[in-house]
PDB file of N, CA and C in Angstrom:
ATOM      1  N   MET A   1     -76.470  38.732 -59.463  1.00  0.00           N
ATOM      2  CA  MET A   1     -77.209  39.550 -58.524  1.00  0.00           C
ATOM      3  C   MET A   1     -77.968  38.642 -57.550  1.00  0.00           C
ATOM      4  N   LYS A   2     -77.900  38.986 -56.296  1.00  0.00           N
ATOM      5  CA  LYS A   2     -78.633  38.229 -55.278  1.00  0.00           C
ATOM      6  C   LYS A   2     -80.072  38.728 -55.206  1.00  0.00           C
ATOM      7  N   THR A   3     -80.957  37.825 -54.876  1.00  0.00           N
ATOM      8  CA  THR A   3     -82.359  38.194 -54.681  1.00  0.00           C
ATOM      9  C   THR A   3     -82.815  37.691 -53.315  1.00  0.00           C
ATOM     10  N   ILE A   4     -83.875  38.296 -52.838  1.00  0.00           N
ATOM     11  CA  ILE A   4     -84.441  37.939 -51.538  1.00  0.00           C
ATOM     12  C   ILE A   4     -85.655  37.061 -51.760  1.00  0.00           C
ATOM     13  N   ASP A   5     -85.778  36.051 -50.917  1.00  0.00           N
ATOM     14  CA  ASP A   5     -86.965  35.220 -50.901  1.00  0.00           C
ATOM     15  C   ASP A   5     -87.426  35.111 -49.448  1.00  0.00           C
ATOM     16  N   VAL A   6     -88.699  35.365 -49.214  1.00  0.00           N
ATOM     17  CA  VAL A   6     -89.268  35.230 -47.877  1.00  0.00           C
ATOM     18  C   VAL A   6     -90.229  34.051 -47.898  1.00  0.00           C
ATOM     19  N   ASP A   7     -89.998  33.110 -47.008  1.00  0.00           N
ATOM     20  CA  ASP A   7     -90.894  31.957 -46.882  1.00  0.00           C
ATOM     21  C   ASP A   7     -92.128  32.415 -46.115  1.00  0.00           C
ATOM     22  N   ARG A   8     -93.212  32.611 -46.839  1.00  0.00           N
ATOM     23  CA  ARG A   8     -94.443  33.133 -46.238  1.00  0.00           C
ATOM     24  C   ARG A   8     -95.083  32.142 -45.262  1.00  0.00           C
ATOM     25  N   THR A   9     -94.714  30.877 -45.351  1.00  0.00           N
ATOM     26  CA  THR A   9     -95.253  29.911 -44.385  1.00  0.00           C
ATOM     27  C   THR A   9     -94.567  30.060 -43.027  1.00  0.00           C
ATOM     28  N   LEU A  10     -93.378  30.662 -43.018  1.00  0.00           N
ATOM     29  CA  LEU A  10     -92.645  30.893 -41.774  1.00  0.00           C
ATOM     30  C   LEU A  10     -92.835  32.304 -41.232  1.00  0.00           C
ATOM     31  N   CYS A  11     -92.951  33.273 -42.123  1.00  0.00           N
ATOM     32  CA  CYS A  11     -93.000  34.686 -41.726  1.00  0.00           C
ATOM     33  C   CYS A  11     -94.231  34.969 -40.865  1.00  0.00           C
ATOM     34  N   ASP A  12     -93.992  35.575 -39.695  1.00  0.00           N
ATOM     35  CA  ASP A  12     -95.064  35.961 -38.776  1.00  0.00           C
ATOM     36  C   ASP A  12     -95.267  37.469 -38.738  1.00  0.00           C
ATOM     37  N   ASN A  13     -94.646  38.196 -39.691  1.00  0.00           N
ATOM     38  CA  ASN A  13     -94.786  39.655 -39.801  1.00  0.00           C
ATOM     39  C   ASN A  13     -94.361  40.391 -38.530  1.00  0.00           C
ATOM     40  N   HIS A  14     -93.246  39.950 -37.941  1.00  0.00           N
ATOM     41  CA  HIS A  14     -92.720  40.628 -36.758  1.00  0.00           C
ATOM     42  C   HIS A  14     -92.200  42.029 -37.097  1.00  0.00           C
ATOM     43  N   GLY A  15     -91.664  42.205 -38.305  1.00  0.00           N
ATOM     44  CA  GLY A  15     -91.192  43.510 -38.749  1.00  0.00           C
ATOM     45  C   GLY A  15     -89.766  43.848 -38.389  1.00  0.00           C
ATOM     46  N   GLN A  16     -89.039  42.926 -37.802  1.00  0.00           N
ATOM     47  CA  GLN A  16     -87.643  43.204 -37.451  1.00  0.00           C
ATOM     48  C   GLN A  16     -86.803  43.496 -38.690  1.00  0.00           C
ATOM     49  N   CYS A  17     -87.113  42.844 -39.791  1.00  0.00           N
ATOM     50  CA  CYS A  17     -86.388  43.083 -41.037  1.00  0.00           C
ATOM     51  C   CYS A  17     -86.620  44.510 -41.535  1.00  0.00           C
ATOM     52  N   ALA A  18     -87.843  45.014 -41.362  1.00  0.00           N
ATOM     53  CA  ALA A  18     -88.175  46.374 -41.796  1.00  0.00           C
ATOM     54  C   ALA A  18     -87.422  47.413 -40.968  1.00  0.00           C
ATOM     55  N   ILE A  19     -87.144  47.083 -39.727  1.00  0.00           N
ATOM     56  CA  ILE A  19     -86.351  47.978 -38.880  1.00  0.00           C
ATOM     57  C   ILE A  19     -84.890  47.944 -39.315  1.00  0.00           C
ATOM     58  N   ALA A  20     -84.382  46.753 -39.603  1.00  0.00           N
ATOM     59  CA  ALA A  20     -82.972  46.587 -39.972  1.00  0.00           C
ATOM     60  C   ALA A  20     -82.661  47.107 -41.370  1.00  0.00           C
ATOM     61  N   ALA A  21     -83.594  46.944 -42.300  1.00  0.00           N
ATOM     62  CA  ALA A  21     -83.340  47.320 -43.696  1.00  0.00           C
ATOM     63  C   ALA A  21     -84.593  47.960 -44.305  1.00  0.00           C
ATOM     64  N   PRO A  22     -84.919  49.180 -43.865  1.00  0.00           N
ATOM     65  CA  PRO A  22     -86.153  49.818 -44.319  1.00  0.00           C
ATOM     66  C   PRO A  22     -86.192  50.164 -45.807  1.00  0.00           C
ATOM     67  N   ASP A  23     -85.043  50.195 -46.470  1.00  0.00           N
ATOM     68  CA  ASP A  23     -85.037  50.451 -47.910  1.00  0.00           C
ATOM     69  C   ASP A  23     -85.447  49.223 -48.710  1.00  0.00           C
ATOM     70  N   VAL A  24     -85.492  48.074 -48.057  1.00  0.00           N
ATOM     71  CA  VAL A  24     -85.806  46.819 -48.740  1.00  0.00           C
ATOM     72  C   VAL A  24     -87.099  46.197 -48.206  1.00  0.00           C
ATOM     73  N   PHE A  25     -87.288  46.245 -46.902  1.00  0.00           N
ATOM     74  CA  PHE A  25     -88.448  45.630 -46.251  1.00  0.00           C
ATOM     75  C   PHE A  25     -89.338  46.710 -45.643  1.00  0.00           C
ATOM     76  N   ARG A  26     -90.647  46.487 -45.653  1.00  0.00           N
ATOM     77  CA  ARG A  26     -91.578  47.416 -45.018  1.00  0.00           C
ATOM     78  C   ARG A  26     -92.847  46.674 -44.634  1.00  0.00           C
ATOM     79  N   MET A  27     -93.546  47.234 -43.685  1.00  0.00           N
ATOM     80  CA  MET A  27     -94.830  46.681 -43.276  1.00  0.00           C
ATOM     81  C   MET A  27     -95.923  47.520 -43.925  1.00  0.00           C
ATOM     82  N   ASN A  28     -96.903  46.868 -44.537  1.00  0.00           N
ATOM     83  CA  ASN A  28     -97.980  47.619 -45.178  1.00  0.00           C
ATOM     84  C   ASN A  28     -99.031  48.028 -44.146  1.00  0.00           C
ATOM     85  N   ALA A  29    -100.073  48.694 -44.596  1.00  0.00           N
ATOM     86  CA  ALA A  29    -101.109  49.203 -43.693  1.00  0.00           C
ATOM     87  C   ALA A  29    -101.835  48.091 -42.946  1.00  0.00           C
ATOM     88  N   ASP A  30    -101.803  46.873 -43.491  1.00  0.00           N
ATOM     89  CA  ASP A  30    -102.434  45.725 -42.840  1.00  0.00           C
ATOM     90  C   ASP A  30    -101.487  44.988 -41.903  1.00  0.00           C
ATOM     91  N   GLY A  31    -100.256  45.521 -41.762  1.00  0.00           N
ATOM     92  CA  GLY A  31     -99.277  44.884 -40.886  1.00  0.00           C
ATOM     93  C   GLY A  31     -98.593  43.679 -41.498  1.00  0.00           C
ATOM     94  N   GLU A  32     -98.646  43.582 -42.829  1.00  0.00           N
ATOM     95  CA  GLU A  32     -98.014  42.461 -43.515  1.00  0.00           C
ATOM     96  C   GLU A  32     -96.737  42.926 -44.208  1.00  0.00           C
ATOM     97  N   LEU A  33     -95.777  42.029 -44.251  1.00  0.00           N
ATOM     98  CA  LEU A  33     -94.480  42.326 -44.847  1.00  0.00           C
ATOM     99  C   LEU A  33     -94.578  42.497 -46.354  1.00  0.00           C
ATOM    100  N   GLU A  34     -93.919  43.544 -46.846  1.00  0.00           N
ATOM    101  CA  GLU A  34     -93.685  43.737 -48.267  1.00  0.00           C
ATOM    102  C   GLU A  34     -92.186  43.934 -48.416  1.00  0.00           C
ATOM    103  N   TYR A  35     -91.640  43.555 -49.567  1.00  0.00           N
ATOM    104  CA  TYR A  35     -90.197  43.696 -49.752  1.00  0.00           C
ATOM    105  C   TYR A  35     -89.848  43.750 -51.227  1.00  0.00           C
ATOM    106  N   GLU A  36     -88.654  44.254 -51.492  1.00  0.00           N
ATOM    107  CA  GLU A  36     -88.101  44.281 -52.843  1.00  0.00           C
ATOM    108  C   GLU A  36     -87.298  42.998 -53.021  1.00  0.00           C
ATOM    109  N   ALA A  37     -87.651  42.212 -54.009  1.00  0.00           N
ATOM    110  CA  ALA A  37     -86.942  40.943 -54.228  1.00  0.00           C
ATOM    111  C   ALA A  37     -85.510  41.173 -54.691  1.00  0.00           C
ATOM    112  N   THR A  38     -85.276  42.266 -55.396  1.00  0.00           N
ATOM    113  CA  THR A  38     -83.917  42.623 -55.806  1.00  0.00           C
ATOM    114  C   THR A  38     -83.559  43.936 -55.118  1.00  0.00           C
ATOM    115  N   PHE A  39     -82.287  44.140 -54.906  1.00  0.00           N
ATOM    116  CA  PHE A  39     -81.836  45.320 -54.182  1.00  0.00           C
ATOM    117  C   PHE A  39     -80.453  45.720 -54.643  1.00  0.00           C
ATOM    118  N   ASP A  40     -80.095  46.946 -54.392  1.00  0.00           N
ATOM    119  CA  ASP A  40     -78.780  47.472 -54.733  1.00  0.00           C
ATOM    120  C   ASP A  40     -77.721  46.751 -53.906  1.00  0.00           C
ATOM    121  N   ASP A  41     -76.622  46.392 -54.530  1.00  0.00           N
ATOM    122  CA  ASP A  41     -75.540  45.684 -53.842  1.00  0.00           C
ATOM    123  C   ASP A  41     -75.017  46.451 -52.627  1.00  0.00           C
ATOM    124  N   ALA A  42     -75.157  47.759 -52.634  1.00  0.00           N
ATOM    125  CA  ALA A  42     -74.687  48.569 -51.506  1.00  0.00           C
ATOM    126  C   ALA A  42     -75.490  48.280 -50.238  1.00  0.00           C
ATOM    127  N   LEU A  43     -76.651  47.667 -50.381  1.00  0.00           N
ATOM    128  CA  LEU A  43     -77.506  47.353 -49.232  1.00  0.00           C
ATOM    129  C   LEU A  43     -77.298  45.941 -48.691  1.00  0.00           C
ATOM    130  N   LEU A  44     -76.338  45.221 -49.232  1.00  0.00           N
ATOM    131  CA  LEU A  44     -76.127  43.834 -48.825  1.00  0.00           C
ATOM    132  C   LEU A  44     -75.924  43.692 -47.315  1.00  0.00           C
ATOM    133  N   ASP A  45     -75.151  44.569 -46.705  1.00  0.00           N
ATOM    134  CA  ASP A  45     -74.900  44.461 -45.258  1.00  0.00           C
ATOM    135  C   ASP A  45     -76.189  44.571 -44.449  1.00  0.00           C
ATOM    136  N   VAL A  46     -77.055  45.516 -44.801  1.00  0.00           N
ATOM    137  CA  VAL A  46     -78.291  45.671 -44.035  1.00  0.00           C
ATOM    138  C   VAL A  46     -79.276  44.543 -44.331  1.00  0.00           C
ATOM    139  N   VAL A  47     -79.245  44.016 -45.555  1.00  0.00           N
ATOM    140  CA  VAL A  47     -80.096  42.862 -45.876  1.00  0.00           C
ATOM    141  C   VAL A  47     -79.641  41.649 -45.068  1.00  0.00           C
ATOM    142  N   GLU A  48     -78.342  41.446 -44.973  1.00  0.00           N
ATOM    143  CA  GLU A  48     -77.830  40.337 -44.165  1.00  0.00           C
ATOM    144  C   GLU A  48     -78.192  40.532 -42.694  1.00  0.00           C
ATOM    145  N   GLU A  49     -78.183  41.765 -42.217  1.00  0.00           N
ATOM    146  CA  GLU A  49     -78.608  42.056 -40.843  1.00  0.00           C
ATOM    147  C   GLU A  49     -80.084  41.715 -40.665  1.00  0.00           C
ATOM    148  N   ALA A  50     -80.906  42.064 -41.645  1.00  0.00           N
ATOM    149  CA  ALA A  50     -82.332  41.740 -41.591  1.00  0.00           C
ATOM    150  C   ALA A  50     -82.553  40.234 -41.535  1.00  0.00           C
ATOM    151  N   ILE A  51     -81.773  39.501 -42.289  1.00  0.00           N
ATOM    152  CA  ILE A  51     -81.860  38.041 -42.267  1.00  0.00           C
ATOM    153  C   ILE A  51     -81.503  37.523 -40.870  1.00  0.00           C
ATOM    154  N   ASP A  52     -80.454  38.073 -40.294  1.00  0.00           N
ATOM    155  CA  ASP A  52     -79.994  37.624 -38.981  1.00  0.00           C
ATOM    156  C   ASP A  52     -80.996  37.925 -37.864  1.00  0.00           C
ATOM    157  N   VAL A  53     -81.701  39.053 -37.953  1.00  0.00           N
ATOM    158  CA  VAL A  53     -82.606  39.429 -36.867  1.00  0.00           C
ATOM    159  C   VAL A  53     -84.005  38.836 -37.011  1.00  0.00           C
ATOM    160  N   CYS A  54     -84.290  38.189 -38.117  1.00  0.00           N
ATOM    161  CA  CYS A  54     -85.613  37.575 -38.295  1.00  0.00           C
ATOM    162  C   CYS A  54     -85.800  36.487 -37.233  1.00  0.00           C
ATOM    163  N   PRO A  55     -86.796  36.639 -36.363  1.00  0.00           N
ATOM    164  CA  PRO A  55     -86.965  35.677 -35.273  1.00  0.00           C
ATOM    165  C   PRO A  55     -87.358  34.276 -35.726  1.00  0.00           C
ATOM    166  N   VAL A  56     -87.888  34.150 -36.932  1.00  0.00           N
ATOM    167  CA  VAL A  56     -88.285  32.829 -37.415  1.00  0.00           C
ATOM    168  C   VAL A  56     -87.439  32.355 -38.601  1.00  0.00           C
ATOM    169  N   GLN A  57     -86.389  33.137 -38.927  1.00  0.00           N
ATOM    170  CA  GLN A  57     -85.454  32.795 -40.005  1.00  0.00           C
ATOM    171  C   GLN A  57     -86.197  32.483 -41.318  1.00  0.00           C
ATOM    172  N   ALA A  58     -87.065  33.406 -41.718  1.00  0.00           N
ATOM    173  CA  ALA A  58     -87.894  33.222 -42.909  1.00  0.00           C
ATOM    174  C   ALA A  58     -87.335  33.883 -44.158  1.00  0.00           C
ATOM    175  N   ILE A  59     -86.203  34.596 -44.033  1.00  0.00           N
ATOM    176  CA  ILE A  59     -85.647  35.350 -45.159  1.00  0.00           C
ATOM    177  C   ILE A  59     -84.403  34.652 -45.675  1.00  0.00           C
ATOM    178  N   PHE A  60     -84.344  34.523 -47.000  1.00  0.00           N
ATOM    179  CA  PHE A  60     -83.227  33.820 -47.635  1.00  0.00           C
ATOM    180  C   PHE A  60     -82.679  34.655 -48.795  1.00  0.00           C
ATOM    181  N   LEU A  61     -81.361  34.574 -49.007  1.00  0.00           N
ATOM    182  CA  LEU A  61     -80.719  35.162 -50.176  1.00  0.00           C
ATOM    183  C   LEU A  61     -80.490  34.077 -51.203  1.00  0.00           C
ATOM    184  N   LYS A  62     -80.765  34.407 -52.447  1.00  0.00           N
ATOM    185  CA  LYS A  62     -80.522  33.470 -53.539  1.00  0.00           C
ATOM    186  C   LYS A  62     -79.641  34.130 -54.570  1.00  0.00           C
ATOM    187  N   ASP A  63     -78.782  33.348 -55.191  1.00  0.00           N
ATOM    188  CA  ASP A  63     -77.907  33.867 -56.258  1.00  0.00           C
ATOM    189  C   ASP A  63     -78.610  33.900 -57.578  1.00  0.00           C
TER     190      ASP A  63
END
């Protein structure tokens, strides 16, 4: 199973990932990114899209 890792030193909370994959990524009330580290395999395409649209490339998939 793949897991998501977000490098918090890179993440600027732009929220593009939350737009691309709202079932996995979301912005909290303080405007900070929250996410599910594990996700259903059926969401892999949208997670990969979220990774691609991150303006600072802070999201990584791990095996």
